[in-house]
């Protein structure tokens, strides 16, 4: 999935006064390449990434267009700029900056990945008097994240189009919570992550159900099934198509309410949402919680088997949940 052509690592440890900028590229031995590829793959697959575009006049975009020829110099300049921001704003965590040119699914990308430091512990052995060994536990404060760790911050810049997949966090800068990567480094516009879009869809469904439907739990499970099927197809769908799939030829007033709900999250019905495998896995077990605190989790395949789970709507407005044909 990921093929790295060149990469460099710069040390941005704010406990020292200057960044340690590398003069040479990383040697891509099998272990190093596997480590980097794993982090890049996790960044690419993250549904927390926002799809962004460079603003007109972005200096980073201009330099990125020639990054393969000026790779090392461009990486050093960018790392130095980020280090300055880190030193001026202690709320931003320190970490090493990975800069790489890579192909992801046969498309060329410039990769910026900030590997924020973690604490870890190692053992140490000493022989202070020359006779007795003394073992100790030492704390390491500048350990890099493990290959399968969730990425903290990074950007994937598509080199063939004006598109940036950006993962960033807000930190306190000049007394306000701001995003320094998009504002000060990349100079790109804010986007909405796939996770935020998915949350907006689910909130819109809750709003519509509350206003028009009584069988809220059945629809909730049906929504999860529709979204999981979307993930299996690995394709993006418009919000309008999702609305049609969820409510199966919905009345005009239902569609209008759904549209109003997503519009509150700055989304249009023509916008697309892609359901990642990670998001689908979170929905494969549906949780139903009663007012008295009872909570039941039911796998989607059991719910949709037809005879395993049944919701019974009682005349007094309560709902009975019938689970049958199971083995304990």
Protein backbone atom coordinates (compact mmCIF):
# COMPACT_ATOMS: atom_id res chain seq x y z
CA UNK A 1 0.00 0.00 0.00
CA UNK A 2 2.84 2.41 0.90
CA UNK A 3 6.08 2.72 -1.06
CA UNK A 4 8.59 5.22 0.36
CA UNK A 5 11.11 6.73 -2.07
CA UNK A 6 12.94 9.04 0.34
CA UNK A 7 12.56 10.10 3.95
CA UNK A 8 14.27 12.20 6.60
CA UNK A 9 13.78 12.60 10.34
CA UNK A 10 14.34 15.90 12.19
CA UNK A 11 14.49 16.09 16.00
CA UNK A 12 12.25 18.80 17.47
CA UNK A 13 13.00 18.40 21.18
CA UNK A 14 11.95 21.63 22.89
CA UNK A 15 14.07 20.82 25.96
CA UNK A 16 17.03 22.06 23.93
CA UNK A 17 17.43 25.43 22.26
CA UNK A 18 17.81 24.33 18.64
CA UNK A 19 16.30 21.64 16.44
CA UNK A 20 18.58 18.79 15.41
CA UNK A 21 18.12 18.90 11.63
CA UNK A 22 19.44 15.97 9.66
CA UNK A 23 21.90 16.56 6.82
CA UNK A 24 21.24 13.14 5.29
CA UNK A 25 18.29 10.99 4.32
CA UNK A 26 17.17 8.02 6.37
CA UNK A 27 18.54 4.64 5.36
CA UNK A 28 15.44 2.68 4.44
CA UNK A 29 16.44 -0.73 5.77
CA UNK A 30 13.55 -3.22 6.19
CA UNK A 31 12.92 -2.37 9.87
CA UNK A 32 12.97 1.39 9.33
CA UNK A 33 10.76 1.16 6.26
CA UNK A 34 8.26 -1.08 8.07
CA UNK A 35 8.14 1.37 11.01
CA UNK A 36 7.56 4.39 8.76
CA UNK A 37 5.09 2.59 6.48
CA UNK A 38 2.96 1.53 9.44
CA UNK A 39 2.68 5.11 10.70
CA UNK A 40 1.88 6.44 7.22
CA UNK A 41 -0.78 3.77 6.67
CA UNK A 42 -2.43 4.61 9.99
CA UNK A 43 -2.45 8.30 9.07
CA UNK A 44 -3.94 7.57 5.64
CA UNK A 45 -6.66 5.35 7.13
CA UNK A 46 -7.61 7.70 9.98
CA UNK A 47 -11.18 8.96 9.76
CA UNK A 48 -10.08 11.90 11.91
CA UNK A 49 -8.28 13.34 8.87
CA UNK A 50 -9.84 16.44 7.33
CA UNK A 51 -9.83 16.98 3.58
CA UNK A 52 -8.33 20.45 3.04
CA UNK A 53 -7.17 22.66 0.18
CA UNK A 54 -4.34 25.19 0.01
CA UNK A 55 -5.36 28.82 0.19
CA UNK A 56 -4.23 31.02 -2.76
CA UNK A 57 -0.63 32.10 -2.31
CA UNK A 58 0.35 29.31 0.07
CA UNK A 59 4.15 29.27 0.24
CA UNK A 60 4.10 25.66 1.34
CA UNK A 61 2.14 24.61 -1.74
CA UNK A 62 4.61 26.42 -4.01
CA UNK A 63 7.58 24.69 -2.39
CA UNK A 64 5.82 21.30 -2.27
CA UNK A 65 5.46 21.34 -6.06
CA UNK A 66 9.26 20.97 -6.27
CA UNK A 67 9.76 18.89 -3.14
CA UNK A 68 11.37 15.92 -4.88
CA UNK A 69 14.21 18.08 -6.27
CA UNK A 70 14.66 20.18 -3.10
CA UNK A 71 13.55 17.52 -0.63
CA UNK A 72 16.19 17.82 2.07
CA UNK A 73 16.36 21.64 2.04
CA UNK A 74 12.56 21.93 2.05
CA UNK A 75 12.26 19.48 4.94
CA UNK A 76 14.87 21.35 7.01
CA UNK A 77 13.16 24.69 6.43
CA UNK A 78 9.75 23.27 7.39
CA UNK A 79 11.13 21.55 10.49
CA UNK A 80 12.81 24.78 11.59
CA UNK A 81 9.56 26.70 11.24
CA UNK A 82 7.63 24.09 13.23
CA UNK A 83 10.31 24.09 15.95
CA UNK A 84 9.98 27.87 16.31
CA UNK A 85 6.21 27.50 16.77
CA UNK A 86 6.76 24.76 19.35
CA UNK A 87 9.24 26.81 21.37
CA UNK A 88 6.91 29.81 21.42
CA UNK A 89 3.87 27.75 22.46
CA UNK A 90 4.60 25.22 25.22
CA UNK A 91 1.10 23.72 24.98
CA UNK A 92 2.16 22.01 21.73
CA UNK A 93 3.93 18.71 22.47
CA UNK A 94 7.47 18.09 21.26
CA UNK A 95 8.23 15.32 18.79
CA UNK A 96 10.28 14.31 15.80
CA UNK A 97 9.21 15.34 12.30
CA UNK A 98 9.14 12.69 9.60
CA UNK A 99 9.29 14.11 6.09
CA UNK A 100 8.85 11.63 3.24
CA UNK A 101 7.98 11.20 -0.41
CA UNK A 102 5.82 8.13 -0.84
CA UNK A 103 3.30 6.45 -3.10
CA UNK A 104 0.07 5.48 -1.38
CA UNK A 105 -2.23 3.32 -3.48
CA UNK A 106 -0.11 4.32 -6.50
CA UNK A 107 -0.63 8.06 -5.92
CA UNK A 108 2.36 10.30 -5.02
CA UNK A 109 2.24 12.11 -1.69
CA UNK A 110 4.45 14.34 0.39
CA UNK A 111 4.20 13.10 3.97
CA UNK A 112 4.55 15.20 7.12
CA UNK A 113 4.19 13.15 10.26
CA UNK A 114 4.87 14.55 13.72
CA UNK A 115 5.88 11.72 16.02
CA UNK A 116 5.07 13.13 19.44
CA UNK A 117 7.22 11.84 22.27
CA UNK A 118 5.93 9.25 24.75
CA UNK A 119 7.23 8.27 28.15
CA UNK A 120 8.57 4.73 28.46
CA UNK A 121 10.75 2.78 30.86
CA UNK A 122 13.90 0.73 30.37
CA UNK A 123 16.15 -1.25 32.67
CA UNK A 124 19.74 -0.23 33.28
CA UNK A 125 22.61 -2.11 34.83
CA UNK A 126 25.63 -0.54 36.52
CA UNK A 127 28.59 -1.73 38.53
CA UNK A 128 29.53 1.28 40.68
CA UNK A 129 32.13 -0.41 42.87
CA UNK A 130 33.41 -2.81 40.25
CA UNK A 131 32.07 -5.85 42.08
CA UNK A 132 28.31 -5.76 42.60
CA UNK A 133 25.80 -5.25 39.78
CA UNK A 134 23.04 -2.75 40.45
CA UNK A 135 19.88 -2.88 38.31
CA UNK A 136 17.54 0.08 37.98
CA UNK A 137 14.48 1.30 36.08
CA UNK A 138 14.92 4.47 34.07
CA UNK A 139 12.29 6.73 32.55
CA UNK A 140 12.73 7.68 28.90
CA UNK A 141 10.91 10.90 27.94
CA UNK A 142 11.64 11.02 24.20
CA UNK A 143 10.42 7.63 23.02
CA UNK A 144 8.77 7.56 19.59
CA UNK A 145 5.26 6.10 19.28
CA UNK A 146 4.92 2.40 18.47
CA UNK A 147 4.24 1.44 14.82
CA UNK A 148 0.58 0.60 15.51
CA UNK A 149 -0.07 3.67 17.66
CA UNK A 150 -2.85 6.07 16.69
CA UNK A 151 -1.28 9.03 14.85
CA UNK A 152 -1.25 12.40 16.63
CA UNK A 153 -0.57 14.98 13.92
CA UNK A 154 0.31 14.82 10.27
CA UNK A 155 -0.50 15.71 6.69
CA UNK A 156 -0.58 13.87 3.38
CA UNK A 157 -0.16 16.32 0.51
CA UNK A 158 -1.30 14.95 -2.85
CA UNK A 159 1.28 15.95 -5.45
CA UNK A 160 -1.02 15.61 -8.46
CA UNK A 161 -3.91 17.69 -7.14
CA UNK A 162 -4.76 20.45 -4.68
CA UNK A 163 -5.68 18.19 -1.81
CA UNK A 164 -4.41 17.72 1.74
CA UNK A 165 -5.45 15.00 4.15
CA UNK A 166 -4.78 16.68 7.48
CA UNK A 167 -4.79 15.35 11.02
CA UNK A 168 -4.28 18.09 13.58
CA UNK A 169 -5.26 19.20 17.05
CA UNK A 170 -6.02 22.55 18.59
CA UNK A 171 -3.47 23.92 21.04
CA UNK A 172 -3.31 27.13 23.04
CA UNK A 173 -1.52 29.73 20.92
CA UNK A 174 -1.47 33.36 22.06
CA UNK A 175 -4.22 32.62 24.56
CA UNK A 176 -6.57 30.95 22.06
CA UNK A 177 -7.11 27.36 20.91
CA UNK A 178 -5.81 27.24 17.34
CA UNK A 179 -4.58 24.79 14.70
CA UNK A 180 -0.97 25.67 13.92
CA UNK A 181 -0.38 23.14 11.13
CA UNK A 182 -3.14 24.41 8.82
CA UNK A 183 -2.80 28.08 9.77
CA UNK A 184 0.94 28.65 10.13
CA UNK A 185 2.69 25.82 8.30
CA UNK A 186 0.62 24.52 5.39
CA UNK A 187 -1.63 27.55 4.87
CA UNK A 188 -4.65 25.51 3.91
CA UNK A 189 -8.38 25.83 4.48
CA UNK A 190 -10.18 23.88 7.15
CA UNK A 191 -12.10 20.81 6.13
CA UNK A 192 -14.44 18.39 7.87
CA UNK A 193 -13.15 14.95 8.77
CA UNK A 194 -15.00 11.79 7.72
CA UNK A 195 -15.58 11.07 11.41
CA UNK A 196 -17.22 14.49 11.85
CA UNK A 197 -19.40 13.88 8.78
CA UNK A 198 -20.45 10.50 10.15
CA UNK A 199 -21.28 12.05 13.52
CA UNK A 200 -23.38 14.67 11.71
CA UNK A 201 -25.32 11.95 9.87
CA UNK A 202 -26.03 10.08 13.10
CA UNK A 203 -27.12 13.29 14.86
CA UNK A 204 -29.39 14.13 11.92
CA UNK A 205 -30.98 10.68 12.16
CA UNK A 206 -31.65 11.23 15.87
CA UNK A 207 -33.30 14.58 15.09
CA UNK A 208 -35.49 13.09 12.35
CA UNK A 209 -36.45 10.07 14.45
CA UNK A 210 -37.46 12.23 17.40
CA UNK A 211 -39.77 14.28 15.18
CA UNK A 212 -41.29 11.70 12.84
CA UNK A 213 -40.78 8.12 14.04
CA UNK A 214 -41.59 5.93 17.04
CA UNK A 215 -39.43 2.91 16.16
CA UNK A 216 -36.21 4.75 17.00
CA UNK A 217 -34.19 1.69 18.02
CA UNK A 218 -35.01 -0.23 14.86
CA UNK A 219 -33.97 2.73 12.72
CA UNK A 220 -30.77 3.14 14.75
CA UNK A 221 -29.81 -0.46 13.98
CA UNK A 222 -30.83 -0.03 10.35
CA UNK A 223 -28.63 3.08 10.07
CA UNK A 224 -25.67 1.10 11.39
CA UNK A 225 -26.34 -1.64 8.83
CA UNK A 226 -26.51 0.88 5.96
CA UNK A 227 -23.25 2.53 7.04
CA UNK A 228 -21.46 -0.80 7.53
CA UNK A 229 -22.54 -1.86 4.05
CA UNK A 230 -21.15 1.43 2.75
CA UNK A 231 -17.81 0.62 4.39
CA UNK A 232 -17.75 -2.83 2.80
CA UNK A 233 -18.28 -1.26 -0.63
CA UNK A 234 -15.37 1.11 0.14
CA UNK A 235 -17.09 3.94 -1.69
CA UNK A 236 -18.25 7.43 -0.77
CA UNK A 237 -21.96 8.24 -0.81
CA UNK A 238 -23.74 11.57 -0.87
CA UNK A 239 -25.74 12.52 2.20
CA UNK A 240 -28.84 12.55 0.02
CA UNK A 241 -28.26 8.94 -1.03
CA UNK A 242 -27.64 7.93 2.57
CA UNK A 243 -30.88 9.59 3.64
CA UNK A 244 -32.75 7.67 0.92
CA UNK A 245 -31.13 4.38 1.99
CA UNK A 246 -31.85 4.93 5.68
CA UNK A 247 -35.50 5.94 5.32
CA UNK A 248 -36.25 4.06 2.07
CA UNK A 249 -37.94 6.66 -0.13
CA UNK A 250 -38.54 9.19 2.67
CA UNK A 251 -41.36 11.77 2.60
CA UNK A 252 -40.37 15.32 1.65
CA UNK A 253 -40.66 16.60 5.23
CA UNK A 254 -38.27 13.90 6.49
CA UNK A 255 -35.71 14.77 3.85
CA UNK A 256 -36.04 18.48 4.60
CA UNK A 257 -35.49 17.90 8.32
CA UNK A 258 -32.46 15.71 7.61
CA UNK A 259 -31.07 18.42 5.31
CA UNK A 260 -31.59 21.10 7.98
CA UNK A 261 -29.85 18.97 10.59
CA UNK A 262 -26.71 18.35 8.52
CA UNK A 263 -26.66 22.00 7.41
CA UNK A 264 -26.13 22.95 11.07
CA UNK A 265 -22.80 21.10 10.77
CA UNK A 266 -21.92 23.03 7.58
CA UNK A 267 -22.76 20.09 5.32
CA UNK A 268 -24.89 19.94 2.18
CA UNK A 269 -26.90 17.00 0.89
CA UNK A 270 -24.55 16.82 -2.10
CA UNK A 271 -21.51 16.32 0.17
CA UNK A 272 -20.07 12.83 0.36
CA UNK A 273 -19.14 10.71 3.36
CA UNK A 274 -16.80 7.73 3.40
CA UNK A 275 -17.26 5.17 6.17
CA UNK A 276 -13.90 3.75 7.22
CA UNK A 277 -13.45 0.13 8.41
CA UNK A 278 -12.60 1.52 11.86
CA UNK A 279 -15.89 3.41 12.04
CA UNK A 280 -17.80 0.36 10.77
CA UNK A 281 -16.29 -1.84 13.48
CA UNK A 282 -17.56 0.57 16.12
CA UNK A 283 -21.11 0.11 14.80
CA UNK A 284 -21.15 -3.67 14.41
CA UNK A 285 -22.47 -3.97 17.95
CA UNK A 286 -25.48 -1.83 18.71
CA UNK A 287 -26.07 -0.69 22.27
CA UNK A 288 -29.63 -0.25 23.55
CA UNK A 289 -29.97 1.49 26.92
CA UNK A 290 -33.19 1.75 28.91
CA UNK A 291 -34.14 4.59 31.24
CA UNK A 292 -33.60 2.31 34.27
CA UNK A 293 -29.96 1.79 33.31
CA UNK A 294 -30.23 -1.62 31.65
CA UNK A 295 -27.95 -1.77 28.62
CA UNK A 296 -27.80 -4.52 26.00
CA UNK A 297 -25.33 -4.87 23.14
CA UNK A 298 -26.48 -6.81 20.10
CA UNK A 299 -24.33 -7.70 17.06
CA UNK A 300 -25.81 -6.38 13.83
CA UNK A 301 -25.83 -9.81 12.20
CA UNK A 302 -28.01 -11.12 15.06
CA UNK A 303 -30.37 -8.18 14.81
CA UNK A 304 -30.79 -8.65 11.06
CA UNK A 305 -31.11 -12.44 11.19
CA UNK A 306 -34.88 -11.92 11.24
CA UNK A 307 -35.84 -14.01 14.27
CA UNK A 308 -33.18 -13.35 16.90
CA UNK A 309 -34.30 -9.91 18.11
CA UNK A 310 -37.70 -8.29 18.04
CA UNK A 311 -38.91 -4.90 19.29
CA UNK A 312 -42.51 -4.92 20.53
CA UNK A 313 -44.26 -1.56 20.86
CA UNK A 314 -46.72 -1.64 23.75
CA UNK A 315 -49.95 0.42 23.95
CA UNK A 316 -48.59 2.39 26.93
CA UNK A 317 -45.70 3.73 24.84
CA UNK A 318 -43.03 1.42 26.26
CA UNK A 319 -40.98 -0.96 24.14
CA UNK A 320 -40.33 -4.63 24.93
CA UNK A 321 -37.21 -6.30 23.57
CA UNK A 322 -37.59 -9.99 22.76
CA UNK A 323 -34.41 -12.03 22.31
CA UNK A 324 -34.98 -15.63 21.28
CA UNK A 325 -33.25 -18.68 19.87
CA UNK A 326 -29.94 -18.11 21.63
CA UNK A 327 -27.60 -20.55 23.39
CA UNK A 328 -26.08 -19.64 26.77
